[in-house]
């Protein structure tokens, strides 16, 4: 699977756990370090943890594991780094504070379909 297809699969897995405002940003022309950012948020730390677990499980079923993960102890901002794409799962209030979408407002948004 391509990095785009895997990023979409991650977005769908997050969406299936009722993640809020799941967005995929195409970072290929802007960042140079990764191809895509998947950004999602949860209402509480437990939901953030469950979303990150679901994303990891879904991608692991496709033979893909993160090279690095951060934030799993406190589950306010979990980062799953798959090299070609990075998944950011925020506690909703932290997402509003860091506002990555505003920071990267000029990058294209990848269209994908919710599974719900």
PDB file of N, CA and C in Angstrom:
ATOM      1  N   UNK A   1       0.836  -1.185   0.000  1.00  0.00           N
ATOM      2  CA  UNK A   1       0.000   0.000   0.000  1.00  0.00           C
ATOM      3  C   UNK A   1       0.882   1.250   0.000  1.00  0.00           C
ATOM      4  N   UNK A   2       0.390   2.295  -0.597  1.00  0.00           N
ATOM      5  CA  UNK A   2       1.117   3.560  -0.617  1.00  0.00           C
ATOM      6  C   UNK A   2       0.967   4.275   0.730  1.00  0.00           C
ATOM      7  N   UNK A   3       1.807   5.266   0.950  1.00  0.00           N
ATOM      8  CA  UNK A   3       1.692   6.041   2.192  1.00  0.00           C
ATOM      9  C   UNK A   3       0.339   6.758   2.260  1.00  0.00           C
ATOM     10  N   UNK A   4      -0.161   7.200   1.134  1.00  0.00           N
ATOM     11  CA  UNK A   4      -1.484   7.855   1.098  1.00  0.00           C
ATOM     12  C   UNK A   4      -2.574   6.866   1.521  1.00  0.00           C
ATOM     13  N   UNK A   5      -2.547   5.656   0.978  1.00  0.00           N
ATOM     14  CA  UNK A   5      -3.548   4.642   1.319  1.00  0.00           C
ATOM     15  C   UNK A   5      -3.477   4.268   2.804  1.00  0.00           C
ATOM     16  N   UNK A   6      -2.263   4.183   3.332  1.00  0.00           N
ATOM     17  CA  UNK A   6      -2.103   3.862   4.753  1.00  0.00           C
ATOM     18  C   UNK A   6      -2.593   5.015   5.637  1.00  0.00           C
ATOM     19  N   UNK A   7      -2.313   6.237   5.222  1.00  0.00           N
ATOM     20  CA  UNK A   7      -2.798   7.398   5.979  1.00  0.00           C
ATOM     21  C   UNK A   7      -4.329   7.413   5.990  1.00  0.00           C
ATOM     22  N   UNK A   8      -4.940   7.092   4.863  1.00  0.00           N
ATOM     23  CA  UNK A   8      -6.406   7.034   4.805  1.00  0.00           C
ATOM     24  C   UNK A   8      -6.921   5.912   5.697  1.00  0.00           C
ATOM     25  N   UNK A   9      -6.240   4.783   5.682  1.00  0.00           N
ATOM     26  CA  UNK A   9      -6.652   3.665   6.553  1.00  0.00           C
ATOM     27  C   UNK A   9      -6.566   4.078   8.025  1.00  0.00           C
ATOM     28  N   UNK A  10      -5.532   4.832   8.377  1.00  0.00           N
ATOM     29  CA  UNK A  10      -5.397   5.335   9.751  1.00  0.00           C
ATOM     30  C   UNK A  10      -6.549   6.276  10.088  1.00  0.00           C
ATOM     31  N   UNK A  11      -6.914   7.141   9.150  1.00  0.00           N
ATOM     32  CA  UNK A  11      -8.029   8.064   9.359  1.00  0.00           C
ATOM     33  C   UNK A  11      -9.334   7.296   9.563  1.00  0.00           C
ATOM     34  N   UNK A  12      -9.545   6.268   8.779  1.00  0.00           N
ATOM     35  CA  UNK A  12     -10.760   5.461   8.910  1.00  0.00           C
ATOM     36  C   UNK A  12     -10.779   4.759  10.265  1.00  0.00           C
ATOM     37  N   UNK A  13      -9.638   4.215  10.697  1.00  0.00           N
ATOM     38  CA  UNK A  13      -9.571   3.541  11.996  1.00  0.00           C
ATOM     39  C   UNK A  13      -9.886   4.521  13.119  1.00  0.00           C
ATOM     40  N   UNK A  14      -9.351   5.734  13.030  1.00  0.00           N
ATOM     41  CA  UNK A  14      -9.646   6.762  14.037  1.00  0.00           C
ATOM     42  C   UNK A  14     -11.133   7.111  14.012  1.00  0.00           C
ATOM     43  N   UNK A  15     -11.670   7.269  12.829  1.00  0.00           N
ATOM     44  CA  UNK A  15     -13.082   7.603  12.662  1.00  0.00           C
ATOM     45  C   UNK A  15     -13.982   6.516  13.256  1.00  0.00           C
ATOM     46  N   UNK A  16     -13.595   5.279  13.101  1.00  0.00           N
ATOM     47  CA  UNK A  16     -14.380   4.167  13.639  1.00  0.00           C
ATOM     48  C   UNK A  16     -14.441   4.199  15.162  1.00  0.00           C
ATOM     49  N   UNK A  17     -13.476   4.847  15.793  1.00  0.00           N
ATOM     50  CA  UNK A  17     -13.472   5.011  17.253  1.00  0.00           C
ATOM     51  C   UNK A  17     -14.066   6.365  17.654  1.00  0.00           C
ATOM     52  N   UNK A  18     -14.797   6.967  16.714  1.00  0.00           N
ATOM     53  CA  UNK A  18     -15.497   8.235  16.952  1.00  0.00           C
ATOM     54  C   UNK A  18     -14.558   9.403  17.247  1.00  0.00           C
ATOM     55  N   UNK A  19     -13.378   9.396  16.601  1.00  0.00           N
ATOM     56  CA  UNK A  19     -12.466  10.533  16.712  1.00  0.00           C
ATOM     57  C   UNK A  19     -13.142  11.770  16.137  1.00  0.00           C
ATOM     58  N   UNK A  20     -12.774  12.914  16.670  1.00  0.00           N
ATOM     59  CA  UNK A  20     -13.351  14.183  16.221  1.00  0.00           C
ATOM     60  C   UNK A  20     -12.492  14.788  15.116  1.00  0.00           C
ATOM     61  N   UNK A  21     -13.134  15.360  14.105  1.00  0.00           N
ATOM     62  CA  UNK A  21     -12.470  16.168  13.074  1.00  0.00           C
ATOM     63  C   UNK A  21     -11.205  15.520  12.505  1.00  0.00           C
ATOM     64  N   UNK A  22     -11.343  14.341  11.950  1.00  0.00           N
ATOM     65  CA  UNK A  22     -10.188  13.643  11.377  1.00  0.00           C
ATOM     66  C   UNK A  22      -9.816  14.298  10.054  1.00  0.00           C
ATOM     67  N   UNK A  23      -8.554  14.704   9.943  1.00  0.00           N
ATOM     68  CA  UNK A  23      -8.057  15.425   8.772  1.00  0.00           C
ATOM     69  C   UNK A  23      -6.751  14.777   8.321  1.00  0.00           C
ATOM     70  N   UNK A  24      -6.562  14.721   7.008  1.00  0.00           N
ATOM     71  CA  UNK A  24      -5.278  14.277   6.453  1.00  0.00           C
ATOM     72  C   UNK A  24      -4.698  15.440   5.664  1.00  0.00           C
ATOM     73  N   UNK A  25      -3.480  15.834   6.030  1.00  0.00           N
ATOM     74  CA  UNK A  25      -2.789  16.910   5.330  1.00  0.00           C
ATOM     75  C   UNK A  25      -1.685  16.325   4.459  1.00  0.00           C
ATOM     76  N   UNK A  26      -1.599  16.786   3.231  1.00  0.00           N
ATOM     77  CA  UNK A  26      -0.574  16.351   2.286  1.00  0.00           C
ATOM     78  C   UNK A  26       0.671  17.218   2.498  1.00  0.00           C
ATOM     79  N   UNK A  27       1.680  16.653   3.131  1.00  0.00           N
ATOM     80  CA  UNK A  27       2.876  17.398   3.521  1.00  0.00           C
ATOM     81  C   UNK A  27       4.031  17.238   2.527  1.00  0.00           C
ATOM     82  N   UNK A  28       3.817  16.534   1.435  1.00  0.00           N
ATOM     83  CA  UNK A  28       4.916  16.192   0.521  1.00  0.00           C
ATOM     84  C   UNK A  28       5.666  17.400  -0.015  1.00  0.00           C
ATOM     85  N   UNK A  29       4.978  18.467  -0.342  1.00  0.00           N
ATOM     86  CA  UNK A  29       5.634  19.640  -0.916  1.00  0.00           C
ATOM     87  C   UNK A  29       6.103  20.637   0.140  1.00  0.00           C
ATOM     88  N   UNK A  30       5.657  20.474   1.387  1.00  0.00           N
ATOM     89  CA  UNK A  30       5.919  21.484   2.405  1.00  0.00           C
ATOM     90  C   UNK A  30       6.954  21.098   3.441  1.00  0.00           C
ATOM     91  N   UNK A  31       6.974  19.853   3.833  1.00  0.00           N
ATOM     92  CA  UNK A  31       7.783  19.470   4.974  1.00  0.00           C
ATOM     93  C   UNK A  31       9.058  18.737   4.589  1.00  0.00           C
ATOM     94  N   UNK A  32       8.970  17.809   3.674  1.00  0.00           N
ATOM     95  CA  UNK A  32      10.147  17.076   3.236  1.00  0.00           C
ATOM     96  C   UNK A  32      10.592  15.952   4.155  1.00  0.00           C
ATOM     97  N   UNK A  33       9.943  15.813   5.306  1.00  0.00           N
ATOM     98  CA  UNK A  33      10.321  14.767   6.258  1.00  0.00           C
ATOM     99  C   UNK A  33       9.322  13.611   6.224  1.00  0.00           C
ATOM    100  N   UNK A  34       8.079  13.925   5.928  1.00  0.00           N
ATOM    101  CA  UNK A  34       7.024  12.919   5.875  1.00  0.00           C
ATOM    102  C   UNK A  34       6.030  13.320   4.786  1.00  0.00           C
ATOM    103  N   UNK A  35       5.271  12.365   4.306  1.00  0.00           N
ATOM    104  CA  UNK A  35       4.325  12.644   3.227  1.00  0.00           C
ATOM    105  C   UNK A  35       2.979  13.186   3.722  1.00  0.00           C
ATOM    106  N   UNK A  36       2.484  12.657   4.846  1.00  0.00           N
ATOM    107  CA  UNK A  36       1.146  13.017   5.307  1.00  0.00           C
ATOM    108  C   UNK A  36       1.110  13.167   6.823  1.00  0.00           C
ATOM    109  N   UNK A  37       0.257  14.059   7.283  1.00  0.00           N
ATOM    110  CA  UNK A  37      -0.134  14.153   8.679  1.00  0.00           C
ATOM    111  C   UNK A  37      -1.585  13.717   8.757  1.00  0.00           C
ATOM    112  N   UNK A  38      -1.880  12.812   9.662  1.00  0.00           N
ATOM    113  CA  UNK A  38      -3.264  12.487  10.002  1.00  0.00           C
ATOM    114  C   UNK A  38      -3.486  13.113  11.370  1.00  0.00           C
ATOM    115  N   UNK A  39      -4.504  13.955  11.478  1.00  0.00           N
ATOM    116  CA  UNK A  39      -4.783  14.649  12.732  1.00  0.00           C
ATOM    117  C   UNK A  39      -6.200  14.299  13.175  1.00  0.00           C
ATOM    118  N   UNK A  40      -6.315  13.909  14.442  1.00  0.00           N
ATOM    119  CA  UNK A  40      -7.617  13.552  15.010  1.00  0.00           C
ATOM    120  C   UNK A  40      -7.610  13.949  16.479  1.00  0.00           C
ATOM    121  N   UNK A  41      -8.771  13.947  17.080  1.00  0.00           N
ATOM    122  CA  UNK A  41      -8.824  14.246  18.509  1.00  0.00           C
ATOM    123  C   UNK A  41      -9.912  13.437  19.187  1.00  0.00           C
ATOM    124  N   UNK A  42      -9.752  13.331  20.515  1.00  0.00           N
ATOM    125  CA  UNK A  42     -10.729  12.634  21.339  1.00  0.00           C
ATOM    126  C   UNK A  42     -11.211  13.541  22.453  1.00  0.00           C
ATOM    127  N   UNK A  43     -12.319  13.163  23.058  1.00  0.00           N
ATOM    128  CA  UNK A  43     -12.938  13.985  24.104  1.00  0.00           C
ATOM    129  C   UNK A  43     -12.241  13.863  25.453  1.00  0.00           C
ATOM    130  N   UNK A  44     -11.552  12.736  25.678  1.00  0.00           N
ATOM    131  CA  UNK A  44     -10.851  12.526  26.944  1.00  0.00           C
ATOM    132  C   UNK A  44      -9.633  11.623  26.697  1.00  0.00           C
ATOM    133  N   UNK A  45      -8.784  11.489  27.711  1.00  0.00           N
ATOM    134  CA  UNK A  45      -7.555  10.722  27.555  1.00  0.00           C
ATOM    135  C   UNK A  45      -7.831   9.264  27.194  1.00  0.00           C
ATOM    136  N   UNK A  46      -8.879   8.706  27.769  1.00  0.00           N
ATOM    137  CA  UNK A  46      -9.217   7.307  27.469  1.00  0.00           C
ATOM    138  C   UNK A  46      -9.553   7.138  25.990  1.00  0.00           C
ATOM    139  N   UNK A  47     -10.327   8.061  25.442  1.00  0.00           N
ATOM    140  CA  UNK A  47     -10.673   7.962  24.026  1.00  0.00           C
ATOM    141  C   UNK A  47      -9.438   8.161  23.152  1.00  0.00           C
ATOM    142  N   UNK A  48      -8.570   9.094  23.513  1.00  0.00           N
ATOM    143  CA  UNK A  48      -7.331   9.301  22.748  1.00  0.00           C
ATOM    144  C   UNK A  48      -6.528   7.995  22.721  1.00  0.00           C
ATOM    145  N   UNK A  49      -6.406   7.341  23.874  1.00  0.00           N
ATOM    146  CA  UNK A  49      -5.681   6.079  23.954  1.00  0.00           C
ATOM    147  C   UNK A  49      -6.340   5.008  23.085  1.00  0.00           C
ATOM    148  N   UNK A  50      -7.669   4.916  23.156  1.00  0.00           N
ATOM    149  CA  UNK A  50      -8.393   3.910  22.353  1.00  0.00           C
ATOM    150  C   UNK A  50      -8.250   4.182  20.853  1.00  0.00           C
ATOM    151  N   UNK A  51      -8.280   5.444  20.464  1.00  0.00           N
ATOM    152  CA  UNK A  51      -8.090   5.791  19.049  1.00  0.00           C
ATOM    153  C   UNK A  51      -6.697   5.370  18.600  1.00  0.00           C
ATOM    154  N   UNK A  52      -5.681   5.692  19.392  1.00  0.00           N
ATOM    155  CA  UNK A  52      -4.311   5.341  18.993  1.00  0.00           C
ATOM    156  C   UNK A  52      -4.142   3.831  18.917  1.00  0.00           C
ATOM    157  N   UNK A  53      -4.728   3.101  19.850  1.00  0.00           N
ATOM    158  CA  UNK A  53      -4.653   1.631  19.809  1.00  0.00           C
ATOM    159  C   UNK A  53      -5.340   1.076  18.563  1.00  0.00           C
ATOM    160  N   UNK A  54      -6.481   1.628  18.215  1.00  0.00           N
ATOM    161  CA  UNK A  54      -7.214   1.163  17.031  1.00  0.00           C
ATOM    162  C   UNK A  54      -6.435   1.445  15.751  1.00  0.00           C
ATOM    163  N   UNK A  55      -5.814   2.612  15.677  1.00  0.00           N
ATOM    164  CA  UNK A  55      -5.011   2.962  14.505  1.00  0.00           C
ATOM    165  C   UNK A  55      -3.835   1.998  14.386  1.00  0.00           C
ATOM    166  N   UNK A  56      -3.128   1.791  15.493  1.00  0.00           N
ATOM    167  CA  UNK A  56      -1.986   0.872  15.454  1.00  0.00           C
ATOM    168  C   UNK A  56      -2.405  -0.536  15.052  1.00  0.00           C
ATOM    169  N   UNK A  57      -3.502  -1.017  15.620  1.00  0.00           N
ATOM    170  CA  UNK A  57      -3.975  -2.369  15.300  1.00  0.00           C
ATOM    171  C   UNK A  57      -4.369  -2.482  13.827  1.00  0.00           C
ATOM    172  N   UNK A  58      -5.059  -1.490  13.330  1.00  0.00           N
ATOM    173  CA  UNK A  58      -5.486  -1.509  11.930  1.00  0.00           C
ATOM    174  C   UNK A  58      -4.287  -1.547  10.986  1.00  0.00           C
ATOM    175  N   UNK A  59      -3.306  -0.718  11.266  1.00  0.00           N
ATOM    176  CA  UNK A  59      -2.123  -0.671  10.394  1.00  0.00           C
ATOM    177  C   UNK A  59      -1.244  -1.901  10.580  1.00  0.00           C
ATOM    178  N   UNK A  60      -1.193  -2.430  11.815  1.00  0.00           N
ATOM    179  CA  UNK A  60      -0.419  -3.646  12.046  1.00  0.00           C
ATOM    180  C   UNK A  60      -1.015  -4.812  11.258  1.00  0.00           C
ATOM    181  N   UNK A  61      -2.341  -4.851  11.137  1.00  0.00           N
ATOM    182  CA  UNK A  61      -2.999  -5.888  10.334  1.00  0.00           C
ATOM    183  C   UNK A  61      -2.609  -5.790   8.863  1.00  0.00           C
ATOM    184  N   UNK A  62      -2.120  -4.626   8.455  1.00  0.00           N
ATOM    185  CA  UNK A  62      -1.648  -4.433   7.076  1.00  0.00           C
ATOM    186  C   UNK A  62      -0.124  -4.593   6.984  1.00  0.00           C
ATOM    187  N   UNK A  63       0.494  -5.011   8.092  1.00  0.00           N
ATOM    188  CA  UNK A  63       1.932  -5.250   8.099  1.00  0.00           C
ATOM    189  C   UNK A  63       2.776  -4.018   8.371  1.00  0.00           C
ATOM    190  N   UNK A  64       2.199  -2.989   8.953  1.00  0.00           N
ATOM    191  CA  UNK A  64       2.914  -1.730   9.186  1.00  0.00           C
ATOM    192  C   UNK A  64       2.920  -1.410  10.677  1.00  0.00           C
ATOM    193  N   UNK A  65       4.119  -1.122  11.207  1.00  0.00           N
ATOM    194  CA  UNK A  65       4.261  -0.747  12.609  1.00  0.00           C
ATOM    195  C   UNK A  65       4.912   0.626  12.687  1.00  0.00           C
ATOM    196  N   UNK A  66       4.591   1.396  13.734  1.00  0.00           N
ATOM    197  CA  UNK A  66       5.234   2.709  13.859  1.00  0.00           C
ATOM    198  C   UNK A  66       6.720   2.574  14.165  1.00  0.00           C
ATOM    199  N   UNK A  67       7.510   3.455  13.596  1.00  0.00           N
ATOM    200  CA  UNK A  67       8.933   3.495  13.904  1.00  0.00           C
ATOM    201  C   UNK A  67       9.153   4.120  15.275  1.00  0.00           C
ATOM    202  N   UNK A  68       8.203   4.973  15.658  1.00  0.00           N
ATOM    203  CA  UNK A  68       8.325   5.690  16.931  1.00  0.00           C
ATOM    204  C   UNK A  68       6.939   6.093  17.411  1.00  0.00           C
ATOM    205  N   UNK A  69       6.760   6.129  18.712  1.00  0.00           N
ATOM    206  CA  UNK A  69       5.498   6.622  19.287  1.00  0.00           C
ATOM    207  C   UNK A  69       5.829   7.462  20.504  1.00  0.00           C
ATOM    208  N   UNK A  70       5.022   8.488  20.713  1.00  0.00           N
ATOM    209  CA  UNK A  70       5.188   9.383  21.864  1.00  0.00           C
ATOM    210  C   UNK A  70       3.828   9.699  22.460  1.00  0.00           C
ATOM    211  N   UNK A  71       3.825  10.021  23.741  1.00  0.00           N
ATOM    212  CA  UNK A  71       2.623  10.524  24.386  1.00  0.00           C
ATOM    213  C   UNK A  71       1.651   9.485  24.882  1.00  0.00           C
ATOM    214  N   UNK A  72       2.017   8.223  24.824  1.00  0.00           N
ATOM    215  CA  UNK A  72       1.059   7.180  25.201  1.00  0.00           C
ATOM    216  C   UNK A  72       0.846   7.083  26.708  1.00  0.00           C
ATOM    217  N   UNK A  73       1.758   7.618  27.506  1.00  0.00           N
ATOM    218  CA  UNK A  73       1.595   7.544  28.963  1.00  0.00           C
ATOM    219  C   UNK A  73       0.460   8.456  29.433  1.00  0.00           C
ATOM    220  N   UNK A  74       0.451   9.699  28.963  1.00  0.00           N
ATOM    221  CA  UNK A  74      -0.567  10.651  29.417  1.00  0.00           C
ATOM    222  C   UNK A  74      -1.743  10.767  28.456  1.00  0.00           C
ATOM    223  N   UNK A  75      -1.561  10.395  27.213  1.00  0.00           N
ATOM    224  CA  UNK A  75      -2.621  10.373  26.198  1.00  0.00           C
ATOM    225  C   UNK A  75      -3.316  11.718  26.009  1.00  0.00           C
ATOM    226  N   UNK A  76      -2.529  12.785  26.001  1.00  0.00           N
ATOM    227  CA  UNK A  76      -3.079  14.104  25.665  1.00  0.00           C
ATOM    228  C   UNK A  76      -2.739  14.441  24.208  1.00  0.00           C
ATOM    229  N   UNK A  77      -1.573  13.979  23.754  1.00  0.00           N
ATOM    230  CA  UNK A  77      -1.147  14.137  22.359  1.00  0.00           C
ATOM    231  C   UNK A  77      -0.308  12.915  22.033  1.00  0.00           C
ATOM    232  N   UNK A  78      -0.908  11.968  21.366  1.00  0.00           N
ATOM    233  CA  UNK A  78      -0.201  10.754  20.969  1.00  0.00           C
ATOM    234  C   UNK A  78       0.277  10.945  19.540  1.00  0.00           C
ATOM    235  N   UNK A  79       1.549  10.681  19.322  1.00  0.00           N
ATOM    236  CA  UNK A  79       2.143  10.786  17.995  1.00  0.00           C
ATOM    237  C   UNK A  79       2.614   9.394  17.588  1.00  0.00           C
ATOM    238  N   UNK A  80       2.155   8.933  16.449  1.00  0.00           N
ATOM    239  CA  UNK A  80       2.592   7.661  15.872  1.00  0.00           C
ATOM    240  C   UNK A  80       3.328   7.981  14.581  1.00  0.00           C
ATOM    241  N   UNK A  81       4.622   7.693  14.559  1.00  0.00           N
ATOM    242  CA  UNK A  81       5.466   8.041  13.414  1.00  0.00           C
ATOM    243  C   UNK A  81       5.720   6.794  12.574  1.00  0.00           C
ATOM    244  N   UNK A  82       5.145   6.781  11.390  1.00  0.00           N
ATOM    245  CA  UNK A  82       5.314   5.680  10.450  1.00  0.00           C
ATOM    246  C   UNK A  82       6.291   6.072   9.325  1.00  0.00           C
ATOM    247  N   UNK A  83       7.103   7.074   9.547  1.00  0.00           N
ATOM    248  CA  UNK A  83       8.092   7.640   8.638  1.00  0.00           C
ATOM    249  C   UNK A  83       7.431   8.359   7.462  1.00  0.00           C
ATOM    250  N   UNK A  84       6.707   7.633   6.604  1.00  0.00           N
ATOM    251  CA  UNK A  84       6.065   8.255   5.441  1.00  0.00           C
ATOM    252  C   UNK A  84       4.797   9.021   5.807  1.00  0.00           C
ATOM    253  N   UNK A  85       4.258   8.763   6.982  1.00  0.00           N
ATOM    254  CA  UNK A  85       3.111   9.513   7.485  1.00  0.00           C
ATOM    255  C   UNK A  85       3.179   9.511   9.002  1.00  0.00           C
ATOM    256  N   UNK A  86       2.654  10.578   9.584  1.00  0.00           N
ATOM    257  CA  UNK A  86       2.665  10.755  11.033  1.00  0.00           C
ATOM    258  C   UNK A  86       1.231  10.990  11.488  1.00  0.00           C
ATOM    259  N   UNK A  87       0.853  10.298  12.559  1.00  0.00           N
ATOM    260  CA  UNK A  87      -0.494  10.434  13.082  1.00  0.00           C
ATOM    261  C   UNK A  87      -0.437  11.197  14.402  1.00  0.00           C
ATOM    262  N   UNK A  88      -1.221  12.262  14.491  1.00  0.00           N
ATOM    263  CA  UNK A  88      -1.335  13.070  15.698  1.00  0.00           C
ATOM    264  C   UNK A  88      -2.747  12.869  16.249  1.00  0.00           C
ATOM    265  N   UNK A  89      -2.839  12.340  17.470  1.00  0.00           N
ATOM    266  CA  UNK A  89      -4.143  12.164  18.107  1.00  0.00           C
ATOM    267  C   UNK A  89      -4.123  12.991  19.391  1.00  0.00           C
ATOM    268  N   UNK A  90      -4.922  14.033  19.402  1.00  0.00           N
ATOM    269  CA  UNK A  90      -4.927  15.003  20.489  1.00  0.00           C
ATOM    270  C   UNK A  90      -6.132  14.838  21.403  1.00  0.00           C
ATOM    271  N   UNK A  91      -5.967  15.241  22.637  1.00  0.00           N
ATOM    272  CA  UNK A  91      -7.100  15.580  23.470  1.00  0.00           C
ATOM    273  C   UNK A  91      -7.675  16.843  22.834  1.00  0.00           C
ATOM    274  N   UNK A  92      -8.979  16.933  22.717  1.00  0.00           N
ATOM    275  CA  UNK A  92      -9.602  18.011  21.947  1.00  0.00           C
ATOM    276  C   UNK A  92      -9.096  19.405  22.340  1.00  0.00           C
ATOM    277  N   UNK A  93      -8.991  19.691  23.624  1.00  0.00           N
ATOM    278  CA  UNK A  93      -8.540  21.027  24.053  1.00  0.00           C
ATOM    279  C   UNK A  93      -7.080  21.284  23.681  1.00  0.00           C
ATOM    280  N   UNK A  94      -6.244  20.242  23.684  1.00  0.00           N
ATOM    281  CA  UNK A  94      -4.841  20.407  23.279  1.00  0.00           C
ATOM    282  C   UNK A  94      -4.734  20.639  21.778  1.00  0.00           C
ATOM    283  N   UNK A  95      -5.600  19.992  21.035  1.00  0.00           N
ATOM    284  CA  UNK A  95      -5.603  20.209  19.581  1.00  0.00           C
ATOM    285  C   UNK A  95      -5.926  21.665  19.257  1.00  0.00           C
ATOM    286  N   UNK A  96      -6.897  22.209  19.937  1.00  0.00           N
ATOM    287  CA  UNK A  96      -7.237  23.614  19.708  1.00  0.00           C
ATOM    288  C   UNK A  96      -6.068  24.525  20.092  1.00  0.00           C
ATOM    289  N   UNK A  97      -5.339  24.179  21.144  1.00  0.00           N
ATOM    290  CA  UNK A  97      -4.207  24.995  21.583  1.00  0.00           C
ATOM    291  C   UNK A  97      -3.072  24.960  20.557  1.00  0.00           C
ATOM    292  N   UNK A  98      -2.675  23.762  20.114  1.00  0.00           N
ATOM    293  CA  UNK A  98      -1.545  23.646  19.188  1.00  0.00           C
ATOM    294  C   UNK A  98      -1.931  23.988  17.752  1.00  0.00           C
ATOM    295  N   UNK A  99      -3.167  23.733  17.379  1.00  0.00           N
ATOM    296  CA  UNK A  99      -3.749  24.143  16.106  1.00  0.00           C
ATOM    297  C   UNK A  99      -2.840  23.886  14.897  1.00  0.00           C
ATOM    298  N   UNK A 100      -2.473  22.629  14.694  1.00  0.00           N
ATOM    299  CA  UNK A 100      -1.612  22.266  13.562  1.00  0.00           C
ATOM    300  C   UNK A 100      -2.224  22.634  12.219  1.00  0.00           C
ATOM    301  N   UNK A 101      -3.555  22.567  12.135  1.00  0.00           N
ATOM    302  CA  UNK A 101      -4.195  22.924  10.866  1.00  0.00           C
ATOM    303  C   UNK A 101      -3.950  24.386  10.505  1.00  0.00           C
ATOM    304  N   UNK A 102      -3.912  25.259  11.496  1.00  0.00           N
ATOM    305  CA  UNK A 102      -3.618  26.672  11.227  1.00  0.00           C
ATOM    306  C   UNK A 102      -2.155  26.835  10.829  1.00  0.00           C
ATOM    307  N   UNK A 103      -1.281  26.120  11.519  1.00  0.00           N
ATOM    308  CA  UNK A 103       0.144  26.179  11.212  1.00  0.00           C
ATOM    309  C   UNK A 103       0.427  25.723   9.780  1.00  0.00           C
ATOM    310  N   UNK A 104      -0.285  24.705   9.337  1.00  0.00           N
ATOM    311  CA  UNK A 104      -0.091  24.146   7.989  1.00  0.00           C
ATOM    312  C   UNK A 104      -1.289  24.451   7.091  1.00  0.00           C
ATOM    313  N   UNK A 105      -1.865  25.629   7.231  1.00  0.00           N
ATOM    314  CA  UNK A 105      -3.094  25.976   6.507  1.00  0.00           C
ATOM    315  C   UNK A 105      -2.937  26.010   4.987  1.00  0.00           C
ATOM    316  N   UNK A 106      -1.707  26.114   4.494  1.00  0.00           N
ATOM    317  CA  UNK A 106      -1.492  26.216   3.051  1.00  0.00           C
ATOM    318  C   UNK A 106      -1.272  24.869   2.359  1.00  0.00           C
ATOM    319  N   UNK A 107      -1.254  23.781   3.115  1.00  0.00           N
ATOM    320  CA  UNK A 107      -1.029  22.473   2.487  1.00  0.00           C
ATOM    321  C   UNK A 107      -2.371  21.876   2.059  1.00  0.00           C
ATOM    322  N   UNK A 108      -2.357  21.060   1.014  1.00  0.00           N
ATOM    323  CA  UNK A 108      -3.608  20.440   0.560  1.00  0.00           C
ATOM    324  C   UNK A 108      -4.167  19.452   1.584  1.00  0.00           C
ATOM    325  N   UNK A 109      -5.473  19.378   1.640  1.00  0.00           N
ATOM    326  CA  UNK A 109      -6.174  18.402   2.480  1.00  0.00           C
ATOM    327  C   UNK A 109      -6.551  17.220   1.599  1.00  0.00           C
ATOM    328  N   UNK A 110      -6.289  16.023   2.078  1.00  0.00           N
ATOM    329  CA  UNK A 110      -6.617  14.801   1.338  1.00  0.00           C
ATOM    330  C   UNK A 110      -8.070  14.441   1.621  1.00  0.00           C
ATOM    331  N   UNK A 111      -8.827  14.241   0.576  1.00  0.00           N
ATOM    332  CA  UNK A 111     -10.223  13.822   0.717  1.00  0.00           C
ATOM    333  C   UNK A 111     -10.262  12.317   1.004  1.00  0.00           C
ATOM    334  N   UNK A 112     -11.114  11.936   1.924  1.00  0.00           N
ATOM    335  CA  UNK A 112     -11.318  10.530   2.252  1.00  0.00           C
ATOM    336  C   UNK A 112     -12.737  10.370   2.764  1.00  0.00           C
ATOM    337  N   UNK A 113     -13.217   9.148   2.806  1.00  0.00           N
ATOM    338  CA  UNK A 113     -14.602   8.906   3.211  1.00  0.00           C
ATOM    339  C   UNK A 113     -14.658   8.280   4.575  1.00  0.00           C
ATOM    340  N   UNK A 114     -15.532   8.791   5.396  1.00  0.00           N
ATOM    341  CA  UNK A 114     -15.788   8.229   6.706  1.00  0.00           C
ATOM    342  C   UNK A 114     -16.441   6.867   6.554  1.00  0.00           C
ATOM    343  N   UNK A 115     -16.117   5.993   7.482  1.00  0.00           N
ATOM    344  CA  UNK A 115     -16.735   4.671   7.438  1.00  0.00           C
ATOM    345  C   UNK A 115     -18.093   4.658   8.132  1.00  0.00           C
ATOM    346  N   UNK A 116     -18.423   5.751   8.806  1.00  0.00           N
ATOM    347  CA  UNK A 116     -19.683   5.776   9.570  1.00  0.00           C
ATOM    348  C   UNK A 116     -20.841   6.251   8.737  1.00  0.00           C
TER     349      UNK A 116
END
